[in-house]
Amino acid sequence: MVKPPDPRSREERLAAKLRENLHRRKAQARAMGALQDIGGQSGEPENDSEIESGTLSNEARES
């Protein structure tokens, strides 16, 4: 079966998809923030730039 064409313009469809994506990312960020608040700091770097920049505490380097 063939889908009927969407009556909205391409720009409207793209704008709607961008809004959906933004809402999804904001929800993910809120969830991650809530998890960090609950779990506290793990002491592990979130990415390699923290290791390279030397922002780790002395406790984390010694282990």
PDB file of N, CA and C in Angstrom:
ATOM      1  N   MET A   1       0.844  -1.177   0.000  1.00  0.00           N
ATOM      2  CA  MET A   1       0.000   0.000   0.000  1.00  0.00           C
ATOM      3  C   MET A   1       0.889   1.240   0.000  1.00  0.00           C
ATOM      4  N   VAL A   2       0.461   2.240  -0.664  1.00  0.00           N
ATOM      5  CA  VAL A   2       1.207   3.481  -0.782  1.00  0.00           C
ATOM      6  C   VAL A   2       0.649   4.489   0.209  1.00  0.00           C
ATOM      7  N   LYS A   3       1.572   5.174   0.930  1.00  0.00           N
ATOM      8  CA  LYS A   3       1.140   6.197   1.881  1.00  0.00           C
ATOM      9  C   LYS A   3       0.686   7.436   1.120  1.00  0.00           C
ATOM     10  N   PRO A   4      -0.374   8.069   1.578  1.00  0.00           N
ATOM     11  CA  PRO A   4      -0.763   9.326   0.940  1.00  0.00           C
ATOM     12  C   PRO A   4       0.275  10.403   1.285  1.00  0.00           C
ATOM     13  N   PRO A   5       0.545  11.312   0.372  1.00  0.00           N
ATOM     14  CA  PRO A   5       1.544  12.347   0.649  1.00  0.00           C
ATOM     15  C   PRO A   5       1.101  13.239   1.807  1.00  0.00           C
ATOM     16  N   ASP A   6       2.086  13.659   2.584  1.00  0.00           N
ATOM     17  CA  ASP A   6       1.818  14.543   3.721  1.00  0.00           C
ATOM     18  C   ASP A   6       1.476  15.939   3.188  1.00  0.00           C
ATOM     19  N   PRO A   7       0.354  16.506   3.597  1.00  0.00           N
ATOM     20  CA  PRO A   7      -0.038  17.810   3.059  1.00  0.00           C
ATOM     21  C   PRO A   7       0.845  18.964   3.553  1.00  0.00           C
ATOM     22  N   ARG A   8       1.608  18.738   4.624  1.00  0.00           N
ATOM     23  CA  ARG A   8       2.462  19.807   5.144  1.00  0.00           C
ATOM     24  C   ARG A   8       3.677  19.998   4.250  1.00  0.00           C
ATOM     25  N   SER A   9       4.215  21.190   4.260  1.00  0.00           N
ATOM     26  CA  SER A   9       5.401  21.459   3.467  1.00  0.00           C
ATOM     27  C   SER A   9       6.620  20.802   4.123  1.00  0.00           C
ATOM     28  N   ARG A  10       7.672  20.684   3.368  1.00  0.00           N
ATOM     29  CA  ARG A  10       8.905  20.067   3.869  1.00  0.00           C
ATOM     30  C   ARG A  10       9.423  20.825   5.090  1.00  0.00           C
ATOM     31  N   GLU A  11       9.387  22.158   5.028  1.00  0.00           N
ATOM     32  CA  GLU A  11       9.869  22.971   6.138  1.00  0.00           C
ATOM     33  C   GLU A  11       9.059  22.737   7.414  1.00  0.00           C
ATOM     34  N   GLU A  12       7.754  22.594   7.263  1.00  0.00           N
ATOM     35  CA  GLU A  12       6.908  22.340   8.430  1.00  0.00           C
ATOM     36  C   GLU A  12       7.215  20.983   9.044  1.00  0.00           C
ATOM     37  N   ARG A  13       7.415  19.977   8.184  1.00  0.00           N
ATOM     38  CA  ARG A  13       7.743  18.640   8.694  1.00  0.00           C
ATOM     39  C   ARG A  13       9.087  18.653   9.411  1.00  0.00           C
ATOM     40  N   LEU A  14      10.079  19.326   8.815  1.00  0.00           N
ATOM     41  CA  LEU A  14      11.395  19.394   9.455  1.00  0.00           C
ATOM     42  C   LEU A  14      11.331  20.142  10.781  1.00  0.00           C
ATOM     43  N   ALA A  15      10.577  21.230  10.820  1.00  0.00           N
ATOM     44  CA  ALA A  15      10.442  21.998  12.057  1.00  0.00           C
ATOM     45  C   ALA A  15       9.796  21.147  13.148  1.00  0.00           C
ATOM     46  N   ALA A  16       8.804  20.352  12.782  1.00  0.00           N
ATOM     47  CA  ALA A  16       8.145  19.486  13.760  1.00  0.00           C
ATOM     48  C   ALA A  16       9.120  18.430  14.285  1.00  0.00           C
ATOM     49  N   LYS A  17       9.920  17.843  13.388  1.00  0.00           N
ATOM     50  CA  LYS A  17      10.906  16.840  13.808  1.00  0.00           C
ATOM     51  C   LYS A  17      11.958  17.461  14.726  1.00  0.00           C
ATOM     52  N   LEU A  18      12.386  18.674  14.417  1.00  0.00           N
ATOM     53  CA  LEU A  18      13.364  19.353  15.273  1.00  0.00           C
ATOM     54  C   LEU A  18      12.796  19.612  16.666  1.00  0.00           C
ATOM     55  N   ARG A  19      11.535  20.028  16.731  1.00  0.00           N
ATOM     56  CA  ARG A  19      10.905  20.251  18.040  1.00  0.00           C
ATOM     57  C   ARG A  19      10.826  18.949  18.833  1.00  0.00           C
ATOM     58  N   GLU A  20      10.435  17.858  18.158  1.00  0.00           N
ATOM     59  CA  GLU A  20      10.366  16.555  18.830  1.00  0.00           C
ATOM     60  C   GLU A  20      11.739  16.164  19.375  1.00  0.00           C
ATOM     61  N   ASN A  21      12.761  16.349  18.562  1.00  0.00           N
ATOM     62  CA  ASN A  21      14.120  16.006  18.966  1.00  0.00           C
ATOM     63  C   ASN A  21      14.553  16.853  20.165  1.00  0.00           C
ATOM     64  N   LEU A  22      14.265  18.142  20.126  1.00  0.00           N
ATOM     65  CA  LEU A  22      14.630  19.028  21.230  1.00  0.00           C
ATOM     66  C   LEU A  22      13.950  18.592  22.523  1.00  0.00           C
ATOM     67  N   HIS A  23      12.667  18.278  22.460  1.00  0.00           N
ATOM     68  CA  HIS A  23      11.942  17.820  23.651  1.00  0.00           C
ATOM     69  C   HIS A  23      12.538  16.521  24.191  1.00  0.00           C
ATOM     70  N   ARG A  24      12.882  15.614  23.284  1.00  0.00           N
ATOM     71  CA  ARG A  24      13.472  14.336  23.703  1.00  0.00           C
ATOM     72  C   ARG A  24      14.826  14.553  24.364  1.00  0.00           C
ATOM     73  N   ARG A  25      15.659  15.423  23.795  1.00  0.00           N
ATOM     74  CA  ARG A  25      16.977  15.690  24.381  1.00  0.00           C
ATOM     75  C   ARG A  25      16.863  16.389  25.733  1.00  0.00           C
ATOM     76  N   LYS A  26      15.930  17.301  25.865  1.00  0.00           N
ATOM     77  CA  LYS A  26      15.733  17.973  27.149  1.00  0.00           C
ATOM     78  C   LYS A  26      15.290  16.978  28.215  1.00  0.00           C
ATOM     79  N   ALA A  27      14.406  16.059  27.844  1.00  0.00           N
ATOM     80  CA  ALA A  27      13.954  15.037  28.791  1.00  0.00           C
ATOM     81  C   ALA A  27      15.123  14.142  29.197  1.00  0.00           C
ATOM     82  N   GLN A  28      15.978  13.791  28.235  1.00  0.00           N
ATOM     83  CA  GLN A  28      17.153  12.974  28.552  1.00  0.00           C
ATOM     84  C   GLN A  28      18.080  13.723  29.498  1.00  0.00           C
ATOM     85  N   ALA A  29      18.300  15.011  29.239  1.00  0.00           N
ATOM     86  CA  ALA A  29      19.185  15.807  30.090  1.00  0.00           C
ATOM     87  C   ALA A  29      18.628  15.911  31.509  1.00  0.00           C
ATOM     88  N   ARG A  30      17.303  16.101  31.622  1.00  0.00           N
ATOM     89  CA  ARG A  30      16.694  16.160  32.955  1.00  0.00           C
ATOM     90  C   ARG A  30      16.848  14.823  33.672  1.00  0.00           C
ATOM     91  N   ALA A  31      16.673  13.728  32.946  1.00  0.00           N
ATOM     92  CA  ALA A  31      16.806  12.405  33.553  1.00  0.00           C
ATOM     93  C   ALA A  31      18.242  12.160  34.002  1.00  0.00           C
ATOM     94  N   MET A  32      19.201  12.536  33.193  1.00  0.00           N
ATOM     95  CA  MET A  32      20.613  12.351  33.557  1.00  0.00           C
ATOM     96  C   MET A  32      20.967  13.209  34.764  1.00  0.00           C
ATOM     97  N   GLY A  33      20.444  14.434  34.812  1.00  0.00           N
ATOM     98  CA  GLY A  33      20.684  15.303  35.963  1.00  0.00           C
ATOM     99  C   GLY A  33      20.083  14.723  37.227  1.00  0.00           C
ATOM    100  N   ALA A  34      18.914  14.136  37.121  1.00  0.00           N
ATOM    101  CA  ALA A  34      18.263  13.527  38.274  1.00  0.00           C
ATOM    102  C   ALA A  34      19.059  12.312  38.749  1.00  0.00           C
ATOM    103  N   LEU A  35      19.599  11.542  37.821  1.00  0.00           N
ATOM    104  CA  LEU A  35      20.404  10.382  38.202  1.00  0.00           C
ATOM    105  C   LEU A  35      21.680  10.807  38.909  1.00  0.00           C
ATOM    106  N   GLN A  36      22.301  11.880  38.446  1.00  0.00           N
ATOM    107  CA  GLN A  36      23.523  12.352  39.084  1.00  0.00           C
ATOM    108  C   GLN A  36      23.220  12.874  40.482  1.00  0.00           C
ATOM    109  N   ASP A  37      22.072  13.543  40.643  1.00  0.00           N
ATOM    110  CA  ASP A  37      21.693  14.044  41.962  1.00  0.00           C
ATOM    111  C   ASP A  37      21.454  12.896  42.941  1.00  0.00           C
ATOM    112  N   ILE A  38      20.866  11.825  42.453  1.00  0.00           N
ATOM    113  CA  ILE A  38      20.562  10.678  43.308  1.00  0.00           C
ATOM    114  C   ILE A  38      21.826   9.887  43.624  1.00  0.00           C
ATOM    115  N   GLY A  39      22.605   9.589  42.589  1.00  0.00           N
ATOM    116  CA  GLY A  39      23.762   8.726  42.744  1.00  0.00           C
ATOM    117  C   GLY A  39      25.000   9.419  43.244  1.00  0.00           C
ATOM    118  N   GLY A  40      25.056  10.727  43.154  1.00  0.00           N
ATOM    119  CA  GLY A  40      26.254  11.439  43.555  1.00  0.00           C
ATOM    120  C   GLY A  40      27.343  11.295  42.514  1.00  0.00           C
ATOM    121  N   GLN A  41      28.500  11.789  42.845  1.00  0.00           N
ATOM    122  CA  GLN A  41      29.638  11.733  41.936  1.00  0.00           C
ATOM    123  C   GLN A  41      30.297  10.373  42.037  1.00  0.00           C
ATOM    124  N   SER A  42      30.639   9.787  40.906  1.00  0.00           N
ATOM    125  CA  SER A  42      31.280   8.478  40.907  1.00  0.00           C
ATOM    126  C   SER A  42      32.786   8.594  40.959  1.00  0.00           C
ATOM    127  N   GLY A  43      33.338   9.777  40.658  1.00  0.00           N
ATOM    128  CA  GLY A  43      34.774   9.945  40.645  1.00  0.00           C
ATOM    129  C   GLY A  43      35.394   9.565  39.315  1.00  0.00           C
ATOM    130  N   GLU A  44      34.601   9.011  38.420  1.00  0.00           N
ATOM    131  CA  GLU A  44      35.110   8.635  37.112  1.00  0.00           C
ATOM    132  C   GLU A  44      34.908   9.793  36.145  1.00  0.00           C
ATOM    133  N   PRO A  45      35.873  10.029  35.257  1.00  0.00           N
ATOM    134  CA  PRO A  45      35.707  11.110  34.294  1.00  0.00           C
ATOM    135  C   PRO A  45      34.597  10.785  33.307  1.00  0.00           C
ATOM    136  N   GLU A  46      33.858  11.820  32.891  1.00  0.00           N
ATOM    137  CA  GLU A  46      32.782  11.603  31.941  1.00  0.00           C
ATOM    138  C   GLU A  46      33.308  11.439  30.522  1.00  0.00           C
ATOM    139  N   ASN A  47      34.454  12.042  30.238  1.00  0.00           N
ATOM    140  CA  ASN A  47      35.028  11.905  28.905  1.00  0.00           C
ATOM    141  C   ASN A  47      36.546  12.030  28.978  1.00  0.00           C
ATOM    142  N   ASP A  48      37.210  11.799  27.861  1.00  0.00           N
ATOM    143  CA  ASP A  48      38.667  11.814  27.818  1.00  0.00           C
ATOM    144  C   ASP A  48      39.247  13.201  28.035  1.00  0.00           C
ATOM    145  N   SER A  49      38.499  14.268  27.764  1.00  0.00           N
ATOM    146  CA  SER A  49      39.034  15.612  27.920  1.00  0.00           C
ATOM    147  C   SER A  49      39.335  15.918  29.385  1.00  0.00           C
ATOM    148  N   GLU A  50      38.581  15.330  30.322  1.00  0.00           N
ATOM    149  CA  GLU A  50      38.879  15.542  31.734  1.00  0.00           C
ATOM    150  C   GLU A  50      40.214  14.909  32.106  1.00  0.00           C
ATOM    151  N   ILE A  51      40.516  13.787  31.520  1.00  0.00           N
ATOM    152  CA  ILE A  51      41.777  13.120  31.800  1.00  0.00           C
ATOM    153  C   ILE A  51      42.926  13.945  31.224  1.00  0.00           C
ATOM    154  N   GLU A  52      42.776  14.377  29.972  1.00  0.00           N
ATOM    155  CA  GLU A  52      43.833  15.125  29.302  1.00  0.00           C
ATOM    156  C   GLU A  52      44.062  16.486  29.940  1.00  0.00           C
ATOM    157  N   SER A  53      43.010  17.124  30.427  1.00  0.00           N
ATOM    158  CA  SER A  53      43.160  18.460  30.984  1.00  0.00           C
ATOM    159  C   SER A  53      43.649  18.427  32.430  1.00  0.00           C
ATOM    160  N   GLY A  54      43.692  17.256  33.041  1.00  0.00           N
ATOM    161  CA  GLY A  54      44.182  17.140  34.405  1.00  0.00           C
ATOM    162  C   GLY A  54      43.208  17.643  35.442  1.00  0.00           C
ATOM    163  N   THR A  55      41.924  17.571  35.171  1.00  0.00           N
ATOM    164  CA  THR A  55      40.936  18.082  36.113  1.00  0.00           C
ATOM    165  C   THR A  55      40.526  17.036  37.163  1.00  0.00           C
ATOM    166  N   LEU A  56      41.129  15.859  37.112  1.00  0.00           N
ATOM    167  CA  LEU A  56      40.782  14.831  38.082  1.00  0.00           C
ATOM    168  C   LEU A  56      41.394  15.164  39.440  1.00  0.00           C
ATOM    169  N   SER A  57      40.730  14.755  40.492  1.00  0.00           N
ATOM    170  CA  SER A  57      41.251  14.980  41.833  1.00  0.00           C
ATOM    171  C   SER A  57      42.409  14.040  42.103  1.00  0.00           C
ATOM    172  N   ASN A  58      43.172  14.308  43.154  1.00  0.00           N
ATOM    173  CA  ASN A  58      44.312  13.465  43.499  1.00  0.00           C
ATOM    174  C   ASN A  58      43.876  12.045  43.831  1.00  0.00           C
ATOM    175  N   GLU A  59      42.722  11.894  44.448  1.00  0.00           N
ATOM    176  CA  GLU A  59      42.220  10.562  44.789  1.00  0.00           C
ATOM    177  C   GLU A  59      42.018   9.723  43.535  1.00  0.00           C
ATOM    178  N   ALA A  60      41.464  10.312  42.504  1.00  0.00           N
ATOM    179  CA  ALA A  60      41.194   9.566  41.284  1.00  0.00           C
ATOM    180  C   ALA A  60      42.483   9.200  40.555  1.00  0.00           C
ATOM    181  N   ARG A  61      43.516  10.047  40.631  1.00  0.00           N
ATOM    182  CA  ARG A  61      44.777   9.761  39.948  1.00  0.00           C
ATOM    183  C   ARG A  61      45.530   8.643  40.647  1.00  0.00           C
ATOM    184  N   GLU A  62      45.436   8.567  41.970  1.00  0.00           N
ATOM    185  CA  GLU A  62      46.197   7.572  42.726  1.00  0.00           C
ATOM    186  C   GLU A  62      45.663   6.163  42.536  1.00  0.00           C
ATOM    187  N   SER A  63      44.414   6.027  42.216  1.00  0.00           N
ATOM    188  CA  SER A  63      43.824   4.692  42.102  1.00  0.00           C
ATOM    189  C   SER A  63      44.130   4.017  40.812  1.00  0.00           C
TER     190      SER A  63
END
